[in-house]
PDB file of N, CA and C in Angstrom:
ATOM      1  N   UNK A   1    -158.427-154.262-115.333  1.00  0.00           N
ATOM      2  CA  UNK A   1    -159.089-152.986-115.294  1.00  0.00           C
ATOM      3  C   UNK A   1    -158.032-151.882-115.208  1.00  0.00           C
ATOM      4  N   UNK A   2    -158.298-150.792-115.885  1.00  0.00           N
ATOM      5  CA  UNK A   2    -157.388-149.652-115.926  1.00  0.00           C
ATOM      6  C   UNK A   2    -157.748-148.655-114.825  1.00  0.00           C
ATOM      7  N   UNK A   3    -156.752-148.246-114.060  1.00  0.00           N
ATOM      8  CA  UNK A   3    -156.938-147.221-113.043  1.00  0.00           C
ATOM      9  C   UNK A   3    -155.974-146.072-113.335  1.00  0.00           C
ATOM     10  N   UNK A   4    -156.506-144.884-113.411  1.00  0.00           N
ATOM     11  CA  UNK A   4    -155.654-143.708-113.563  1.00  0.00           C
ATOM     12  C   UNK A   4    -155.295-143.197-112.176  1.00  0.00           C
ATOM     13  N   UNK A   5    -154.036-143.080-111.927  1.00  0.00           N
ATOM     14  CA  UNK A   5    -153.582-142.570-110.632  1.00  0.00           C
ATOM     15  C   UNK A   5    -153.332-141.075-110.690  1.00  0.00           C
ATOM     16  N   UNK A   6    -152.849-140.614-111.836  1.00  0.00           N
ATOM     17  CA  UNK A   6    -152.570-139.182-111.977  1.00  0.00           C
ATOM     18  C   UNK A   6    -152.513-138.828-113.452  1.00  0.00           C
ATOM     19  N   UNK A   7    -152.579-137.536-113.705  1.00  0.00           N
ATOM     20  CA  UNK A   7    -152.448-137.024-115.070  1.00  0.00           C
ATOM     21  C   UNK A   7    -151.670-135.718-115.005  1.00  0.00           C
ATOM     22  N   UNK A   8    -150.819-135.518-116.003  1.00  0.00           N
ATOM     23  CA  UNK A   8    -150.074-134.265-116.146  1.00  0.00           C
ATOM     24  C   UNK A   8    -150.418-133.708-117.514  1.00  0.00           C
ATOM     25  N   UNK A   9    -150.875-132.480-117.559  1.00  0.00           N
ATOM     26  CA  UNK A   9    -151.227-131.831-118.821  1.00  0.00           C
ATOM     27  C   UNK A   9    -150.318-130.621-118.979  1.00  0.00           C
ATOM     28  N   UNK A  10    -149.662-130.562-120.130  1.00  0.00           N
ATOM     29  CA  UNK A  10    -148.753-129.468-120.420  1.00  0.00           C
ATOM     30  C   UNK A  10    -149.144-128.833-121.751  1.00  0.00           C
ATOM     31  N   UNK A  11    -149.413-127.536-121.731  1.00  0.00           N
ATOM     32  CA  UNK A  11    -149.634-126.748-122.951  1.00  0.00           C
ATOM     33  C   UNK A  11    -150.730-127.305-123.859  1.00  0.00           C
ATOM     34  N   UNK A  12    -151.880-127.556-123.299  1.00  0.00           N
ATOM     35  CA  UNK A  12    -153.052-127.947-124.075  1.00  0.00           C
ATOM     36  C   UNK A  12    -154.055-126.812-123.957  1.00  0.00           C
ATOM     37  N   UNK A  13    -154.259-126.103-125.064  1.00  0.00           N
ATOM     38  CA  UNK A  13    -155.078-124.890-125.076  1.00  0.00           C
ATOM     39  C   UNK A  13    -154.635-123.962-123.952  1.00  0.00           C
ATOM     40  N   UNK A  14    -155.542-123.555-123.041  1.00  0.00           N
ATOM     41  CA  UNK A  14    -155.124-122.605-122.005  1.00  0.00           C
ATOM     42  C   UNK A  14    -154.492-123.293-120.791  1.00  0.00           C
ATOM     43  N   UNK A  15    -154.452-124.620-120.758  1.00  0.00           N
ATOM     44  CA  UNK A  15    -153.849-125.335-119.636  1.00  0.00           C
ATOM     45  C   UNK A  15    -152.348-125.447-119.856  1.00  0.00           C
ATOM     46  N   UNK A  16    -151.582-124.841-119.007  1.00  0.00           N
ATOM     47  CA  UNK A  16    -150.134-124.823-119.182  1.00  0.00           C
ATOM     48  C   UNK A  16    -149.414-125.879-118.349  1.00  0.00           C
ATOM     49  N   UNK A  17    -149.831-126.048-117.110  1.00  0.00           N
ATOM     50  CA  UNK A  17    -149.103-126.941-116.218  1.00  0.00           C
ATOM     51  C   UNK A  17    -150.072-127.463-115.156  1.00  0.00           C
ATOM     52  N   UNK A  18    -150.740-128.576-115.466  1.00  0.00           N
ATOM     53  CA  UNK A  18    -151.763-129.132-114.575  1.00  0.00           C
ATOM     54  C   UNK A  18    -151.350-130.531-114.139  1.00  0.00           C
ATOM     55  N   UNK A  19    -151.344-130.782-112.846  1.00  0.00           N
ATOM     56  CA  UNK A  19    -151.104-132.108-112.285  1.00  0.00           C
ATOM     57  C   UNK A  19    -152.307-132.458-111.415  1.00  0.00           C
ATOM     58  N   UNK A  20    -152.910-133.616-111.686  1.00  0.00           N
ATOM     59  CA  UNK A  20    -154.065-134.063-110.902  1.00  0.00           C
ATOM     60  C   UNK A  20    -153.816-135.487-110.444  1.00  0.00           C
ATOM     61  N   UNK A  21    -153.964-135.732-109.150  1.00  0.00           N
ATOM     62  CA  UNK A  21    -153.916-137.079-108.595  1.00  0.00           C
ATOM     63  C   UNK A  21    -155.344-137.544-108.380  1.00  0.00           C
ATOM     64  N   UNK A  22    -155.671-138.704-108.915  1.00  0.00           N
ATOM     65  CA  UNK A  22    -157.019-139.242-108.790  1.00  0.00           C
ATOM     66  C   UNK A  22    -157.141-140.093-107.530  1.00  0.00           C
ATOM     67  N   UNK A  23    -158.374-140.151-106.994  1.00  0.00           N
ATOM     68  CA  UNK A  23    -158.635-140.976-105.824  1.00  0.00           C
ATOM     69  C   UNK A  23    -158.527-142.452-106.189  1.00  0.00           C
ATOM     70  N   UNK A  24    -157.696-143.195-105.477  1.00  0.00           N
ATOM     71  CA  UNK A  24    -157.541-144.619-105.748  1.00  0.00           C
ATOM     72  C   UNK A  24    -157.884-145.467-104.524  1.00  0.00           C
ATOM     73  N   UNK A  25    -158.322-144.830-103.463  1.00  0.00           N
ATOM     74  CA  UNK A  25    -158.729-145.533-102.252  1.00  0.00           C
ATOM     75  C   UNK A  25    -160.080-146.203-102.510  1.00  0.00           C
ATOM     76  N   UNK A  26    -160.195-147.494-102.245  1.00  0.00           N
ATOM     77  CA  UNK A  26    -161.455-148.208-102.477  1.00  0.00           C
ATOM     78  C   UNK A  26    -162.618-147.635-101.678  1.00  0.00           C
ATOM     79  N   UNK A  27    -162.317-147.020-100.543  1.00  0.00           N
ATOM     80  CA  UNK A  27    -163.382-146.420 -99.727  1.00  0.00           C
ATOM     81  C   UNK A  27    -163.824-145.073-100.261  1.00  0.00           C
ATOM     82  N   UNK A  28    -162.950-144.394-101.014  1.00  0.00           N
ATOM     83  CA  UNK A  28    -163.245-143.074-101.583  1.00  0.00           C
ATOM     84  C   UNK A  28    -162.733-143.013-103.026  1.00  0.00           C
ATOM     85  N   UNK A  29    -163.370-143.747-103.940  1.00  0.00           N
ATOM     86  CA  UNK A  29    -162.840-143.859-105.306  1.00  0.00           C
ATOM     87  C   UNK A  29    -163.284-142.740-106.243  1.00  0.00           C
ATOM     88  N   UNK A  30    -163.507-141.564-105.738  1.00  0.00           N
ATOM     89  CA  UNK A  30    -164.045-140.477-106.545  1.00  0.00           C
ATOM     90  C   UNK A  30    -163.115-139.274-106.496  1.00  0.00           C
ATOM     91  N   UNK A  31    -162.925-138.667-107.655  1.00  0.00           N
ATOM     92  CA  UNK A  31    -162.189-137.411-107.743  1.00  0.00           C
ATOM     93  C   UNK A  31    -163.133-136.363-108.300  1.00  0.00           C
ATOM     94  N   UNK A  32    -163.245-135.244-107.641  1.00  0.00           N
ATOM     95  CA  UNK A  32    -164.131-134.164-108.063  1.00  0.00           C
ATOM     96  C   UNK A  32    -163.277-133.015-108.589  1.00  0.00           C
ATOM     97  N   UNK A  33    -163.619-132.567-109.792  1.00  0.00           N
ATOM     98  CA  UNK A  33    -162.942-131.418-110.383  1.00  0.00           C
ATOM     99  C   UNK A  33    -163.922-130.254-110.317  1.00  0.00           C
ATOM    100  N   UNK A  34    -163.596-129.249-109.538  1.00  0.00           N
ATOM    101  CA  UNK A  34    -164.475-128.080-109.438  1.00  0.00           C
ATOM    102  C   UNK A  34    -163.644-126.812-109.412  1.00  0.00           C
ATOM    103  N   UNK A  35    -164.200-125.790-110.037  1.00  0.00           N
ATOM    104  CA  UNK A  35    -163.510-124.506-110.104  1.00  0.00           C
ATOM    105  C   UNK A  35    -164.496-123.485-110.663  1.00  0.00           C
ATOM    106  N   UNK A  36    -164.080-122.247-110.685  1.00  0.00           N
ATOM    107  CA  UNK A  36    -164.928-121.187-111.228  1.00  0.00           C
ATOM    108  C   UNK A  36    -165.116-121.384-112.729  1.00  0.00           C
ATOM    109  N   UNK A  37    -166.134-120.710-113.261  1.00  0.00           N
ATOM    110  CA  UNK A  37    -166.385-120.765-114.697  1.00  0.00           C
ATOM    111  C   UNK A  37    -165.190-120.243-115.475  1.00  0.00           C
ATOM    112  N   UNK A  38    -164.997-120.809-116.661  1.00  0.00           N
ATOM    113  CA  UNK A  38    -163.964-120.389-117.609  1.00  0.00           C
ATOM    114  C   UNK A  38    -162.541-120.561-117.067  1.00  0.00           C
ATOM    115  N   UNK A  39    -162.335-121.615-116.265  1.00  0.00           N
ATOM    116  CA  UNK A  39    -160.996-121.878-115.745  1.00  0.00           C
ATOM    117  C   UNK A  39    -160.366-123.121-116.361  1.00  0.00           C
ATOM    118  N   UNK A  40    -161.105-123.838-117.235  1.00  0.00           N
ATOM    119  CA  UNK A  40    -160.504-124.952-117.955  1.00  0.00           C
ATOM    120  C   UNK A  40    -160.985-126.342-117.581  1.00  0.00           C
ATOM    121  N   UNK A  41    -162.097-126.461-116.882  1.00  0.00           N
ATOM    122  CA  UNK A  41    -162.598-127.791-116.510  1.00  0.00           C
ATOM    123  C   UNK A  41    -162.936-128.627-117.739  1.00  0.00           C
ATOM    124  N   UNK A  42    -163.650-128.052-118.685  1.00  0.00           N
ATOM    125  CA  UNK A  42    -164.006-128.778-119.907  1.00  0.00           C
ATOM    126  C   UNK A  42    -162.765-129.045-120.745  1.00  0.00           C
ATOM    127  N   UNK A  43    -161.850-128.110-120.794  1.00  0.00           N
ATOM    128  CA  UNK A  43    -160.603-128.312-121.516  1.00  0.00           C
ATOM    129  C   UNK A  43    -159.807-129.451-120.886  1.00  0.00           C
ATOM    130  N   UNK A  44    -159.821-129.542-119.574  1.00  0.00           N
ATOM    131  CA  UNK A  44    -159.157-130.645-118.878  1.00  0.00           C
ATOM    132  C   UNK A  44    -159.754-131.981-119.317  1.00  0.00           C
ATOM    133  N   UNK A  45    -161.073-132.065-119.342  1.00  0.00           N
ATOM    134  CA  UNK A  45    -161.723-133.315-119.766  1.00  0.00           C
ATOM    135  C   UNK A  45    -161.446-133.625-121.229  1.00  0.00           C
ATOM    136  N   UNK A  46    -161.384-132.596-122.061  1.00  0.00           N
ATOM    137  CA  UNK A  46    -161.063-132.787-123.476  1.00  0.00           C
ATOM    138  C   UNK A  46    -159.643-133.325-123.631  1.00  0.00           C
ATOM    139  N   UNK A  47    -158.705-132.768-122.903  1.00  0.00           N
ATOM    140  CA  UNK A  47    -157.316-133.231-122.961  1.00  0.00           C
ATOM    141  C   UNK A  47    -157.212-134.677-122.492  1.00  0.00           C
ATOM    142  N   UNK A  48    -157.920-135.005-121.434  1.00  0.00           N
ATOM    143  CA  UNK A  48    -157.902-136.373-120.918  1.00  0.00           C
ATOM    144  C   UNK A  48    -158.523-137.338-121.930  1.00  0.00           C
ATOM    145  N   UNK A  49    -159.629-136.947-122.539  1.00  0.00           N
ATOM    146  CA  UNK A  49    -160.264-137.777-123.566  1.00  0.00           C
ATOM    147  C   UNK A  49    -159.339-137.983-124.751  1.00  0.00           C
ATOM    148  N   UNK A  50    -158.666-136.912-125.177  1.00  0.00           N
ATOM    149  CA  UNK A  50    -157.738-137.013-126.296  1.00  0.00           C
ATOM    150  C   UNK A  50    -156.578-137.960-125.971  1.00  0.00           C
ATOM    151  N   UNK A  51    -156.061-137.857-124.737  1.00  0.00           N
ATOM    152  CA  UNK A  51    -154.947-138.711-124.338  1.00  0.00           C
ATOM    153  C   UNK A  51    -155.353-140.186-124.312  1.00  0.00           C
ATOM    154  N   UNK A  52    -156.583-140.460-123.895  1.00  0.00           N
ATOM    155  CA  UNK A  52    -157.036-141.846-123.777  1.00  0.00           C
ATOM    156  C   UNK A  52    -157.546-142.432-125.086  1.00  0.00           C
ATOM    157  N   UNK A  53    -158.213-141.606-125.920  1.00  0.00           N
ATOM    158  CA  UNK A  53    -158.910-142.132-127.090  1.00  0.00           C
ATOM    159  C   UNK A  53    -158.444-141.555-128.416  1.00  0.00           C
ATOM    160  N   UNK A  54    -157.500-140.635-128.404  1.00  0.00           N
ATOM    161  CA  UNK A  54    -156.956-140.100-129.641  1.00  0.00           C
ATOM    162  C   UNK A  54    -157.852-139.074-130.312  1.00  0.00           C
ATOM    163  N   UNK A  55    -157.544-138.798-131.568  1.00  0.00           N
ATOM    164  CA  UNK A  55    -158.236-137.750-132.316  1.00  0.00           C
ATOM    165  C   UNK A  55    -159.740-137.973-132.432  1.00  0.00           C
ATOM    166  N   UNK A  56    -160.191-139.211-132.438  1.00  0.00           N
ATOM    167  CA  UNK A  56    -161.622-139.488-132.565  1.00  0.00           C
ATOM    168  C   UNK A  56    -162.431-138.961-131.382  1.00  0.00           C
ATOM    169  N   UNK A  57    -161.789-138.678-130.273  1.00  0.00           N
ATOM    170  CA  UNK A  57    -162.489-138.164-129.094  1.00  0.00           C
ATOM    171  C   UNK A  57    -162.770-136.672-129.195  1.00  0.00           C
ATOM    172  N   UNK A  58    -162.128-135.989-130.148  1.00  0.00           N
ATOM    173  CA  UNK A  58    -162.271-134.539-130.259  1.00  0.00           C
ATOM    174  C   UNK A  58    -163.416-134.173-131.186  1.00  0.00           C
ATOM    175  N   UNK A  59    -164.139-133.145-130.817  1.00  0.00           N
ATOM    176  CA  UNK A  59    -165.235-132.660-131.662  1.00  0.00           C
ATOM    177  C   UNK A  59    -164.706-132.130-132.981  1.00  0.00           C
ATOM    178  N   UNK A  60    -163.730-131.263-132.890  1.00  0.00           N
ATOM    179  CA  UNK A  60    -163.142-130.649-134.073  1.00  0.00           C
ATOM    180  C   UNK A  60    -161.642-130.888-134.040  1.00  0.00           C
ATOM    181  N   UNK A  61    -161.154-131.761-134.893  1.00  0.00           N
ATOM    182  CA  UNK A  61    -159.735-132.103-134.869  1.00  0.00           C
ATOM    183  C   UNK A  61    -158.855-130.917-135.199  1.00  0.00           C
ATOM    184  N   UNK A  62    -159.307-130.026-136.068  1.00  0.00           N
ATOM    185  CA  UNK A  62    -158.497-128.861-136.430  1.00  0.00           C
ATOM    186  C   UNK A  62    -158.277-127.933-135.248  1.00  0.00           C
ATOM    187  N   UNK A  63    -159.278-127.815-134.392  1.00  0.00           N
ATOM    188  CA  UNK A  63    -159.185-126.896-133.260  1.00  0.00           C
ATOM    189  C   UNK A  63    -158.070-127.284-132.286  1.00  0.00           C
ATOM    190  N   UNK A  64    -157.790-128.559-132.153  1.00  0.00           N
ATOM    191  CA  UNK A  64    -156.816-129.040-131.178  1.00  0.00           C
ATOM    192  C   UNK A  64    -155.556-129.599-131.835  1.00  0.00           C
ATOM    193  N   UNK A  65    -155.362-129.286-133.079  1.00  0.00           N
ATOM    194  CA  UNK A  65    -154.237-129.845-133.808  1.00  0.00           C
ATOM    195  C   UNK A  65    -152.930-129.568-133.078  1.00  0.00           C
ATOM    196  N   UNK A  66    -152.148-130.606-132.921  1.00  0.00           N
ATOM    197  CA  UNK A  66    -150.881-130.493-132.209  1.00  0.00           C
ATOM    198  C   UNK A  66    -149.783-130.097-133.184  1.00  0.00           C
ATOM    199  N   UNK A  67    -148.865-129.233-132.756  1.00  0.00           N
ATOM    200  CA  UNK A  67    -147.741-128.787-133.582  1.00  0.00           C
ATOM    201  C   UNK A  67    -146.450-129.242-132.957  1.00  0.00           C
TER     202      UNK A  67
END
């Protein structure tokens, strides 16, 4: 089984420098991402999906094209 311990996102859309440590304690195996509107929560999930599943995870490949 795959466990993500942390993720680092650099320069993905408006996310410039994000480090997230995920909960890995068996008693508390949940990580909650919460913040104000328009701060990048959905972009964070999109970046994570792209990292795990590649271009097929993106709705519009042109929108997130990497240079």
